[in-house]
Amino acid sequence: QVQLVESGGGLVQPGGSLRLSCAASGITFSAYNMGWYRQAPGKQRELVASITNGYNTNIAASVKGRFTISRDNAKNAVYLQMNSLKPEDTAVYYCNAAHPFITTMSFWGQGTQVTVSS
């Protein structure tokens, strides 16, 4: 059974930082491309950052320079370091694991709430 469990969300003031973690089980983690998505109320889910199984990263323009994605294959974990947070970063953040060749093998976590507010 595949499980992706996010943690690290919470309430933070503008300008603050959070580090999200996603722990994966039930997959060969090192083979998967990993991503962080977010969904704000009334908006579509959007890609925030991704990292391939070869450690290539892609960061959305809206968070470039503020967010960093990394992975630790030994721990089956992917991280999202979020700095200089803004109110518009408020959303539920989801972890995704996507097999690079089998498109049906895409899995989601349950999400973690990030709220940026003073």
C-alpha atoms as a PDB file:
ATOM      1  CA  GLN A   1       0.000   0.000   0.000  1.00  0.00           C
ATOM      2  CA  VAL A   2       1.409   3.342  -1.073  1.00  0.00           C
ATOM      3  CA  GLN A   3       1.441   6.084   1.536  1.00  0.00           C
ATOM      4  CA  LEU A   4       2.643   9.649   1.302  1.00  0.00           C
ATOM      5  CA  VAL A   5       2.485  11.494   4.598  1.00  0.00           C
ATOM      6  CA  GLU A   6       3.099  15.227   4.679  1.00  0.00           C
ATOM      7  CA  SER A   7       4.085  17.151   7.768  1.00  0.00           C
ATOM      8  CA  GLY A   8       5.436  20.531   8.759  1.00  0.00           C
ATOM      9  CA  GLY A   9       2.551  22.790   7.865  1.00  0.00           C
ATOM     10  CA  GLY A  10       1.146  25.411  10.169  1.00  0.00           C
ATOM     11  CA  LEU A  11       0.578  29.079  10.789  1.00  0.00           C
ATOM     12  CA  VAL A  12       3.450  31.445  10.099  1.00  0.00           C
ATOM     13  CA  GLN A  13       3.798  35.201   9.843  1.00  0.00           C
ATOM     14  CA  PRO A  14       4.654  36.874   6.546  1.00  0.00           C
ATOM     15  CA  GLY A  15       8.378  36.692   5.953  1.00  0.00           C
ATOM     16  CA  GLY A  16       8.687  33.501   7.977  1.00  0.00           C
ATOM     17  CA  SER A  17       9.821  30.037   6.998  1.00  0.00           C
ATOM     18  CA  LEU A  18       8.487  26.509   7.072  1.00  0.00           C
ATOM     19  CA  ARG A  19       9.887  23.188   6.008  1.00  0.00           C
ATOM     20  CA  LEU A  20       7.478  20.609   4.700  1.00  0.00           C
ATOM     21  CA  SER A  21       8.341  16.931   4.729  1.00  0.00           C
ATOM     22  CA  CYS A  22       6.792  14.038   2.856  1.00  0.00           C
ATOM     23  CA  ALA A  23       7.544  10.498   3.928  1.00  0.00           C
ATOM     24  CA  ALA A  24       6.856   7.821   1.338  1.00  0.00           C
ATOM     25  CA  SER A  25       6.276   4.106   1.749  1.00  0.00           C
ATOM     26  CA  GLY A  26       5.097   1.312  -0.513  1.00  0.00           C
ATOM     27  CA  ILE A  27       7.036   2.521  -3.551  1.00  0.00           C
ATOM     28  CA  THR A  28      10.589   2.274  -4.812  1.00  0.00           C
ATOM     29  CA  PHE A  29      11.135   5.864  -3.826  1.00  0.00           C
ATOM     30  CA  SER A  30      14.383   6.426  -5.699  1.00  0.00           C
ATOM     31  CA  ALA A  31      12.679   5.585  -8.990  1.00  0.00           C
ATOM     32  CA  TYR A  32       9.955   8.183  -8.659  1.00  0.00           C
ATOM     33  CA  ASN A  33       9.781  11.821  -9.593  1.00  0.00           C
ATOM     34  CA  MET A  34       8.489  13.799  -6.623  1.00  0.00           C
ATOM     35  CA  GLY A  35       6.546  17.014  -6.498  1.00  0.00           C
ATOM     36  CA  TRP A  36       4.890  19.498  -4.222  1.00  0.00           C
ATOM     37  CA  TYR A  37       1.581  20.996  -5.285  1.00  0.00           C
ATOM     38  CA  ARG A  38      -0.708  23.447  -3.561  1.00  0.00           C
ATOM     39  CA  GLN A  39      -4.348  24.353  -3.711  1.00  0.00           C
ATOM     40  CA  ALA A  40      -5.790  27.553  -2.325  1.00  0.00           C
ATOM     41  CA  PRO A  41      -9.526  27.966  -1.678  1.00  0.00           C
ATOM     42  CA  GLY A  42     -11.388  28.469  -4.928  1.00  0.00           C
ATOM     43  CA  LYS A  43      -8.319  27.812  -7.040  1.00  0.00           C
ATOM     44  CA  GLN A  44      -6.975  24.881  -9.008  1.00  0.00           C
ATOM     45  CA  ARG A  45      -4.183  22.742  -7.705  1.00  0.00           C
ATOM     46  CA  GLU A  46      -0.847  23.999  -9.019  1.00  0.00           C
ATOM     47  CA  LEU A  47       2.676  22.672  -9.166  1.00  0.00           C
ATOM     48  CA  VAL A  48       5.018  24.391  -6.739  1.00  0.00           C
ATOM     49  CA  ALA A  49       8.199  22.402  -7.196  1.00  0.00           C
ATOM     50  CA  SER A  50       9.358  19.057  -8.499  1.00  0.00           C
ATOM     51  CA  ILE A  51      12.481  16.938  -8.371  1.00  0.00           C
ATOM     52  CA  THR A  52      13.192  14.048 -10.684  1.00  0.00           C
ATOM     53  CA  ASN A  53      14.708  10.725  -9.776  1.00  0.00           C
ATOM     54  CA  GLY A  54      17.908  12.206 -11.169  1.00  0.00           C
ATOM     55  CA  TYR A  55      17.699  15.216  -8.833  1.00  0.00           C
ATOM     56  CA  ASN A  56      16.747  17.723 -11.525  1.00  0.00           C
ATOM     57  CA  THR A  57      14.511  20.384 -10.022  1.00  0.00           C
ATOM     58  CA  ASN A  58      11.804  22.646 -11.343  1.00  0.00           C
ATOM     59  CA  ILE A  59      10.452  25.554  -9.321  1.00  0.00           C
ATOM     60  CA  ALA A  60       7.340  27.549 -10.138  1.00  0.00           C
ATOM     61  CA  ALA A  61       8.001  31.156 -11.066  1.00  0.00           C
ATOM     62  CA  SER A  62       5.785  32.393  -8.231  1.00  0.00           C
ATOM     63  CA  VAL A  63       8.059  30.851  -5.600  1.00  0.00           C
ATOM     64  CA  LYS A  64      11.438  30.841  -7.331  1.00  0.00           C
ATOM     65  CA  GLY A  65      14.142  32.216  -5.101  1.00  0.00           C
ATOM     66  CA  ARG A  66      12.064  31.533  -1.988  1.00  0.00           C
ATOM     67  CA  PHE A  67      11.297  27.796  -2.093  1.00  0.00           C
ATOM     68  CA  THR A  68      13.694  24.879  -2.455  1.00  0.00           C
ATOM     69  CA  ILE A  69      12.887  21.224  -3.038  1.00  0.00           C
ATOM     70  CA  SER A  70      15.154  18.381  -2.032  1.00  0.00           C
ATOM     71  CA  ARG A  71      14.983  14.645  -1.543  1.00  0.00           C
ATOM     72  CA  ASP A  72      16.700  12.028   0.585  1.00  0.00           C
ATOM     73  CA  ASN A  73      16.424   8.614  -1.016  1.00  0.00           C
ATOM     74  CA  ALA A  74      17.901   6.936   2.046  1.00  0.00           C
ATOM     75  CA  LYS A  75      14.968   8.233   4.086  1.00  0.00           C
ATOM     76  CA  ASN A  76      12.335   7.936   1.353  1.00  0.00           C
ATOM     77  CA  ALA A  77      11.552  11.588   1.894  1.00  0.00           C
ATOM     78  CA  VAL A  78      11.111  14.791  -0.048  1.00  0.00           C
ATOM     79  CA  TYR A  79      11.233  18.256   1.454  1.00  0.00           C
ATOM     80  CA  LEU A  80      10.039  21.728   0.595  1.00  0.00           C
ATOM     81  CA  GLN A  81      11.911  24.554   2.264  1.00  0.00           C
ATOM     82  CA  MET A  82       9.785  27.684   2.145  1.00  0.00           C
ATOM     83  CA  ASN A  83      11.338  31.032   3.001  1.00  0.00           C
ATOM     84  CA  SER A  84      10.062  34.604   2.831  1.00  0.00           C
ATOM     85  CA  LEU A  85       6.518  33.349   2.965  1.00  0.00           C
ATOM     86  CA  LYS A  86       3.722  35.569   1.711  1.00  0.00           C
ATOM     87  CA  PRO A  87      -0.016  35.533   2.430  1.00  0.00           C
ATOM     88  CA  GLU A  88      -0.588  34.324  -1.119  1.00  0.00           C
ATOM     89  CA  ASP A  89       1.341  31.162  -0.277  1.00  0.00           C
ATOM     90  CA  THR A  90      -1.547  30.134   1.957  1.00  0.00           C
ATOM     91  CA  ALA A  91      -2.868  26.804   0.688  1.00  0.00           C
ATOM     92  CA  VAL A  92      -3.046  23.106   1.307  1.00  0.00           C
ATOM     93  CA  TYR A  93       0.236  21.606   0.150  1.00  0.00           C
ATOM     94  CA  TYR A  94       0.251  18.122  -1.344  1.00  0.00           C
ATOM     95  CA  CYS A  95       3.067  15.699  -1.997  1.00  0.00           C
ATOM     96  CA  ASN A  96       3.011  13.708  -5.229  1.00  0.00           C
ATOM     97  CA  ALA A  97       4.971  10.694  -6.370  1.00  0.00           C
ATOM     98  CA  ALA A  98       4.927  10.028 -10.112  1.00  0.00           C
ATOM     99  CA  HIS A  99       6.530   7.096 -11.869  1.00  0.00           C
ATOM    100  CA  PRO A 100       8.585   8.504 -14.746  1.00  0.00           C
ATOM    101  CA  PHE A 101       7.242   6.017 -17.322  1.00  0.00           C
ATOM    102  CA  ILE A 102       3.948   4.622 -16.034  1.00  0.00           C
ATOM    103  CA  THR A 103       1.528   7.548 -15.892  1.00  0.00           C
ATOM    104  CA  THR A 104      -1.097   5.621 -13.952  1.00  0.00           C
ATOM    105  CA  MET A 105       1.345   5.228 -11.076  1.00  0.00           C
ATOM    106  CA  SER A 106       0.859   8.639  -9.519  1.00  0.00           C
ATOM    107  CA  PHE A 107       0.134   8.956  -5.831  1.00  0.00           C
ATOM    108  CA  TRP A 108      -0.914  11.780  -3.529  1.00  0.00           C
ATOM    109  CA  GLY A 109      -0.625  12.564   0.119  1.00  0.00           C
ATOM    110  CA  GLN A 110      -3.466  13.891   2.225  1.00  0.00           C
ATOM    111  CA  GLY A 111      -2.132  17.436   2.291  1.00  0.00           C
ATOM    112  CA  THR A 112      -0.892  19.802   4.956  1.00  0.00           C
ATOM    113  CA  GLN A 113      -2.248  23.281   5.582  1.00  0.00           C
ATOM    114  CA  VAL A 114       0.061  26.264   5.347  1.00  0.00           C
ATOM    115  CA  THR A 115      -1.351  29.582   6.498  1.00  0.00           C
ATOM    116  CA  VAL A 116       0.640  32.785   6.185  1.00  0.00           C
ATOM    117  CA  SER A 117      -0.938  35.530   8.212  1.00  0.00           C
ATOM    118  CA  SER A 118      -0.085  38.174  10.747  1.00  0.00           C
END
